[in-house]
Amino acid sequence: MGHGTAHTAKVSYSQMASVMKDLNYANVFIGTVEGEPEETACEAVIAAVKEAGYTKVVLRPLMVVAGDHANNDMAGEDDDSWKSMFEADGSFESVTCQIAGLGRIDTIEQLYVSHTQDAIDSLGSVDTAAATTAGDLEDGTYSAVFDTDSSMFHVNEACDGRGTLTVKDGKMTIHVSLVSQSIVNLYPGTAEDAQKSGAKLLEPTKDTVTYSDGTSEEVYGFDIPVEALDQEFDLAIIGTKGVWYDHKVSVSDPVAE
């Protein structure tokens, strides 16, 4: 079970399924949380497994980290989890889950190490600069990079990793459009503090993003306060499952618009 996407890149999942068949892995089926492309939706995967005649099912995350999607969307006890839906179908002798991300596979780890080293080498010598505050920028709007520590929580691919930074009266706020409407609130701080009485949560806006192929999608966006550029800060998120998670984010490379 991978993540899935409405972007044209979703063809990668279909291609992966074709490669599995070409390699004679007839017992491997590719699915996604988002159900895009359509043949990767849980219902479609259940039908395909039944048609192939298999009765023993092992669910594994097709994700680098076995996090929320693996533990809840795939292996959770809710009626809409993949495990529950396979069991409810009644066609299978057993349905088991393996909670281990691709990042636990040594070959995948080495690919990340190799790619990271290539990226570092491509930068050459980089000077370390002090963090930039609102007082260092003139009032106005800027395009700025919004980095996160998660492959599941990030700027929509249509925005090239950037958001709109607004500087006004000594304060900075960045507006970012996310990948879907699955994250319903943010909190500038830790997940623990977000759950305290009186915590002021950031509410979503509805943004329309347009992809390179011309298709559009309505996603959630957020206005996030920024104390300083080039400096990590805590940002907690909560999704439709109602669980808070801690993340580290940073804003950098402001370019005047």
Protein backbone atom coordinates (compact mmCIF):
# COMPACT_ATOMS: atom_id res chain seq x y z
CA MET A 1 0.00 0.00 0.00
CA GLY A 2 1.51 3.27 -1.21
CA HIS A 3 0.19 6.80 -0.79
CA GLY A 4 -1.28 7.62 -4.20
CA THR A 5 -1.77 11.01 -5.83
CA ALA A 6 -4.08 12.91 -8.17
CA HIS A 7 -1.01 14.13 -10.06
CA THR A 8 -0.04 12.56 -13.38
CA ALA A 9 2.84 10.93 -11.48
CA LYS A 10 0.25 8.38 -10.30
CA VAL A 11 1.09 6.40 -13.45
CA SER A 12 4.19 5.24 -11.51
CA TYR A 13 1.99 2.90 -9.46
CA SER A 14 0.49 1.36 -12.61
CA GLN A 15 3.97 0.98 -14.08
CA MET A 16 5.19 -0.71 -10.92
CA ALA A 17 2.31 -3.19 -11.10
CA SER A 18 3.22 -3.96 -14.73
CA VAL A 19 6.87 -4.51 -13.79
CA MET A 20 5.82 -6.94 -11.05
CA LYS A 21 3.86 -8.97 -13.61
CA ASP A 22 6.78 -8.91 -16.06
CA LEU A 23 9.02 -10.27 -13.29
CA ASN A 24 6.49 -13.05 -12.64
CA TYR A 25 5.46 -11.73 -9.23
CA ALA A 26 1.82 -12.62 -9.87
CA ASN A 27 1.08 -12.55 -6.15
CA VAL A 28 2.07 -8.88 -5.72
CA PHE A 29 -0.68 -6.24 -5.93
CA ILE A 30 -0.06 -2.47 -5.75
CA GLY A 31 -2.58 -0.35 -3.82
CA THR A 32 -2.72 3.21 -2.48
CA VAL A 33 -4.33 5.08 0.41
CA GLU A 34 -5.75 7.75 -1.91
CA GLY A 35 -7.06 5.19 -4.41
CA GLU A 36 -5.46 7.02 -7.32
CA PRO A 37 -5.00 5.56 -9.87
CA GLU A 38 -8.40 3.84 -9.58
CA GLU A 39 -7.06 0.30 -9.86
CA THR A 40 -5.06 0.89 -6.66
CA ALA A 41 -8.14 1.58 -4.49
CA CYS A 42 -8.65 -0.97 -1.71
CA GLU A 43 -11.88 -2.30 -3.24
CA ALA A 44 -10.15 -2.80 -6.59
CA VAL A 45 -7.19 -4.58 -4.99
CA ILE A 46 -9.53 -6.89 -3.03
CA ALA A 47 -11.32 -7.80 -6.26
CA ALA A 48 -8.01 -8.45 -8.06
CA VAL A 49 -6.70 -10.68 -5.26
CA LYS A 50 -9.93 -12.69 -5.23
CA GLU A 51 -9.92 -13.05 -9.02
CA ALA A 52 -6.34 -14.37 -8.85
CA GLY A 53 -7.48 -17.01 -6.38
CA TYR A 54 -5.33 -16.06 -3.38
CA THR A 55 -6.74 -16.59 0.11
CA LYS A 56 -3.81 -15.61 2.36
CA VAL A 57 -3.05 -11.89 2.34
CA VAL A 58 -0.03 -9.97 3.67
CA LEU A 59 -0.33 -6.18 3.73
CA ARG A 60 2.87 -4.11 3.64
CA PRO A 61 3.44 -0.34 3.35
CA LEU A 62 4.96 0.86 0.06
CA MET A 63 6.36 3.86 1.93
CA VAL A 64 9.76 4.82 3.28
CA VAL A 65 8.46 5.07 6.86
CA ALA A 66 5.75 2.90 8.42
CA GLY A 67 3.91 5.79 10.11
CA ASP A 68 0.29 6.89 10.36
CA HIS A 69 -0.82 5.43 7.02
CA ALA A 70 0.70 2.03 7.77
CA ASN A 71 -0.51 1.82 11.36
CA ASN A 72 -3.98 3.28 10.84
CA ASP A 73 -5.06 3.31 7.18
CA MET A 74 -3.52 -0.09 6.51
CA ALA A 75 -3.44 -2.03 9.80
CA GLY A 76 -5.86 -0.08 12.01
CA GLU A 77 -8.99 -1.43 13.67
CA ASP A 78 -11.37 1.11 12.10
CA ASP A 79 -13.87 -0.24 9.59
CA ASP A 80 -12.24 1.65 6.72
CA SER A 81 -8.70 0.32 7.24
CA TRP A 82 -7.35 -2.05 4.60
CA LYS A 83 -7.05 -4.87 7.12
CA SER A 84 -10.67 -4.46 8.22
CA MET A 85 -11.96 -4.24 4.65
CA PHE A 86 -10.10 -7.40 3.58
CA GLU A 87 -11.44 -9.24 6.63
CA ALA A 88 -14.98 -7.94 6.13
CA ASP A 89 -14.99 -9.27 2.57
CA GLY A 90 -14.93 -12.81 4.00
CA SER A 91 -13.02 -14.31 1.08
CA PHE A 92 -9.65 -14.77 2.75
CA GLU A 93 -8.30 -17.36 5.20
CA SER A 94 -5.92 -14.86 6.78
CA VAL A 95 -5.03 -11.18 6.59
CA THR A 96 -1.77 -10.16 8.29
CA CYS A 97 0.12 -6.86 8.36
CA GLN A 98 3.85 -6.24 8.31
CA ILE A 99 4.63 -2.82 9.80
CA ALA A 100 8.00 -2.02 8.24
CA GLY A 101 8.76 0.79 5.82
CA LEU A 102 10.97 0.59 2.75
CA GLY A 103 13.57 2.53 4.73
CA ARG A 104 14.27 -0.64 6.73
CA ILE A 105 15.58 -2.36 3.60
CA ASP A 106 19.37 -2.07 3.33
CA THR A 107 19.37 -1.54 -0.44
CA ILE A 108 16.90 1.33 -0.12
CA GLU A 109 18.97 2.85 2.70
CA GLN A 110 22.05 2.80 0.49
CA LEU A 111 20.16 4.54 -2.32
CA TYR A 112 19.25 7.36 0.07
CA VAL A 113 22.84 7.63 1.28
CA SER A 114 24.12 7.73 -2.30
CA HIS A 115 21.58 10.34 -3.44
CA THR A 116 22.22 12.48 -0.36
CA GLN A 117 25.96 12.41 -0.96
CA ASP A 118 25.41 13.38 -4.61
CA ALA A 119 23.26 16.33 -3.48
CA ILE A 120 25.91 17.46 -0.97
CA ASP A 121 28.67 17.18 -3.54
CA SER A 122 26.67 19.26 -6.03
CA LEU A 123 26.51 22.19 -3.58
CA GLY A 124 30.23 22.67 -3.30
CA SER A 125 31.30 25.02 -0.48
CA VAL A 126 28.33 26.55 1.38
CA ASP A 127 28.66 29.41 3.85
CA THR A 128 26.63 29.24 7.05
CA ALA A 129 24.60 32.43 7.49
CA ALA A 130 22.72 33.77 10.48
CA ALA A 131 18.94 33.35 10.59
CA THR A 132 16.96 36.10 8.86
CA THR A 133 14.14 37.79 10.77
CA ALA A 134 11.27 39.96 9.56
CA GLY A 135 13.31 43.05 10.37
CA ASP A 136 15.84 42.03 7.70
CA LEU A 137 13.24 42.02 4.90
CA GLU A 138 11.16 44.86 3.51
CA ASP A 139 7.39 44.61 3.86
CA GLY A 140 5.93 42.73 0.91
CA THR A 141 5.36 39.27 -0.48
CA TYR A 142 8.03 36.72 -1.35
CA SER A 143 8.20 33.24 -2.78
CA ALA A 144 9.98 31.06 -0.21
CA VAL A 145 10.96 27.42 0.24
CA PHE A 146 8.96 25.51 2.87
CA ASP A 147 10.83 22.41 4.07
CA THR A 148 9.47 19.67 6.34
CA ASP A 149 10.87 16.53 7.93
CA SER A 150 8.22 14.29 6.38
CA SER A 151 7.53 12.75 2.97
CA MET A 152 3.81 12.79 3.80
CA PHE A 153 3.52 16.39 5.04
CA HIS A 154 4.85 18.87 2.52
CA VAL A 155 3.97 21.51 -0.04
CA ASN A 156 1.90 20.38 -3.01
CA GLU A 157 4.08 19.30 -5.93
CA ALA A 158 2.36 21.90 -8.12
CA CYS A 159 4.05 24.61 -6.01
CA ASP A 160 7.62 23.36 -6.47
CA GLY A 161 8.22 23.21 -2.73
CA ARG A 162 7.47 26.90 -2.19
CA GLY A 163 4.88 29.04 -0.44
CA THR A 164 4.01 32.73 -0.31
CA LEU A 165 5.83 34.59 2.49
CA THR A 166 4.21 37.83 3.64
CA VAL A 167 6.25 40.36 5.65
CA LYS A 168 4.30 43.13 7.34
CA ASP A 169 4.90 45.29 10.41
CA GLY A 170 7.77 43.17 11.67
CA LYS A 171 5.96 39.83 11.32
CA MET A 172 6.24 37.00 8.80
CA THR A 173 3.61 34.50 7.67
CA ILE A 174 3.93 31.88 4.97
CA HIS A 175 0.96 30.45 3.10
CA VAL A 176 1.48 26.90 1.85
CA SER A 177 -0.81 24.64 -0.18
CA LEU A 178 -0.64 20.99 0.92
CA VAL A 179 -1.13 17.81 -1.11
CA SER A 180 -4.76 17.09 -0.15
CA GLN A 181 -7.44 17.84 2.45
CA SER A 182 -6.32 15.09 4.84
CA ILE A 183 -4.54 17.47 7.26
CA VAL A 184 -7.25 19.49 9.01
CA ASN A 185 -5.35 21.68 11.50
CA LEU A 186 -1.84 22.88 12.29
CA TYR A 187 -0.38 24.25 15.51
CA PRO A 188 2.80 26.36 15.80
CA GLY A 189 4.40 24.30 18.54
CA THR A 190 4.39 20.72 19.78
CA ALA A 191 1.64 18.12 19.55
CA GLU A 192 1.44 18.10 23.35
CA ASP A 193 0.79 21.84 23.52
CA ALA A 194 -1.73 21.65 20.68
CA GLN A 195 -3.99 19.50 22.85
CA LYS A 196 -4.02 21.89 25.81
CA SER A 197 -7.07 23.96 26.62
CA GLY A 198 -7.02 27.30 24.82
CA ALA A 199 -4.53 26.27 22.14
CA LYS A 200 -5.09 28.39 19.03
CA LEU A 201 -5.11 26.06 16.05
CA LEU A 202 -4.44 27.14 12.49
CA GLU A 203 -7.52 26.64 10.32
CA PRO A 204 -7.28 25.56 6.66
CA THR A 205 -8.14 27.53 3.56
CA LYS A 206 -9.31 25.88 0.35
CA ASP A 207 -6.71 26.35 -2.37
CA THR A 208 -6.92 25.34 -6.00
CA VAL A 209 -3.63 24.05 -7.41
CA THR A 210 -2.92 23.47 -11.09
CA TYR A 211 -0.51 20.75 -12.17
CA SER A 212 1.86 20.78 -15.12
CA ASP A 213 -0.58 18.75 -17.22
CA GLY A 214 -3.28 21.41 -16.79
CA THR A 215 -5.45 19.50 -14.32
CA SER A 216 -6.59 21.23 -11.12
CA GLU A 217 -7.40 20.04 -7.61
CA GLU A 218 -8.81 21.65 -4.46
CA VAL A 219 -6.54 21.15 -1.44
CA TYR A 220 -6.10 22.65 2.01
CA GLY A 221 -3.70 25.52 2.62
CA PHE A 222 -2.49 27.17 5.82
CA ASP A 223 -1.10 30.53 6.93
CA ILE A 224 1.82 29.71 9.23
CA PRO A 225 3.60 32.28 11.41
CA VAL A 226 7.38 32.37 10.91
CA GLU A 227 9.77 33.76 13.53
CA ALA A 228 12.94 33.50 11.44
CA LEU A 229 14.18 32.16 8.13
CA ASP A 230 16.73 29.36 7.76
CA GLN A 231 15.82 28.08 11.21
CA GLU A 232 13.82 24.97 12.12
CA PHE A 233 10.72 25.34 14.28
CA ASP A 234 8.04 23.04 15.69
CA LEU A 235 4.79 22.59 13.80
CA ALA A 236 2.23 20.00 14.90
CA ILE A 237 -0.36 18.55 12.53
CA ILE A 238 -3.62 16.64 12.94
CA GLY A 239 -5.40 14.70 10.22
CA THR A 240 -8.83 13.23 9.71
CA LYS A 241 -7.96 10.37 12.10
CA GLY A 242 -7.77 12.87 14.99
CA VAL A 243 -4.17 12.16 16.04
CA TRP A 244 -1.58 14.93 16.57
CA TYR A 245 1.96 14.54 15.23
CA ASP A 246 5.15 16.56 15.82
CA HIS A 247 7.14 17.92 12.89
CA LYS A 248 10.06 20.23 12.25
CA VAL A 249 9.80 22.76 9.42
CA SER A 250 11.83 25.67 8.08
CA VAL A 251 11.42 28.56 5.63
CA SER A 252 14.23 29.78 3.39
CA ASP A 253 15.27 31.42 0.12
CA PRO A 254 12.83 34.38 -0.02
CA VAL A 255 12.49 35.85 -3.51
CA ALA A 256 10.52 39.08 -3.93
CA GLU A 257 7.40 38.76 -6.04
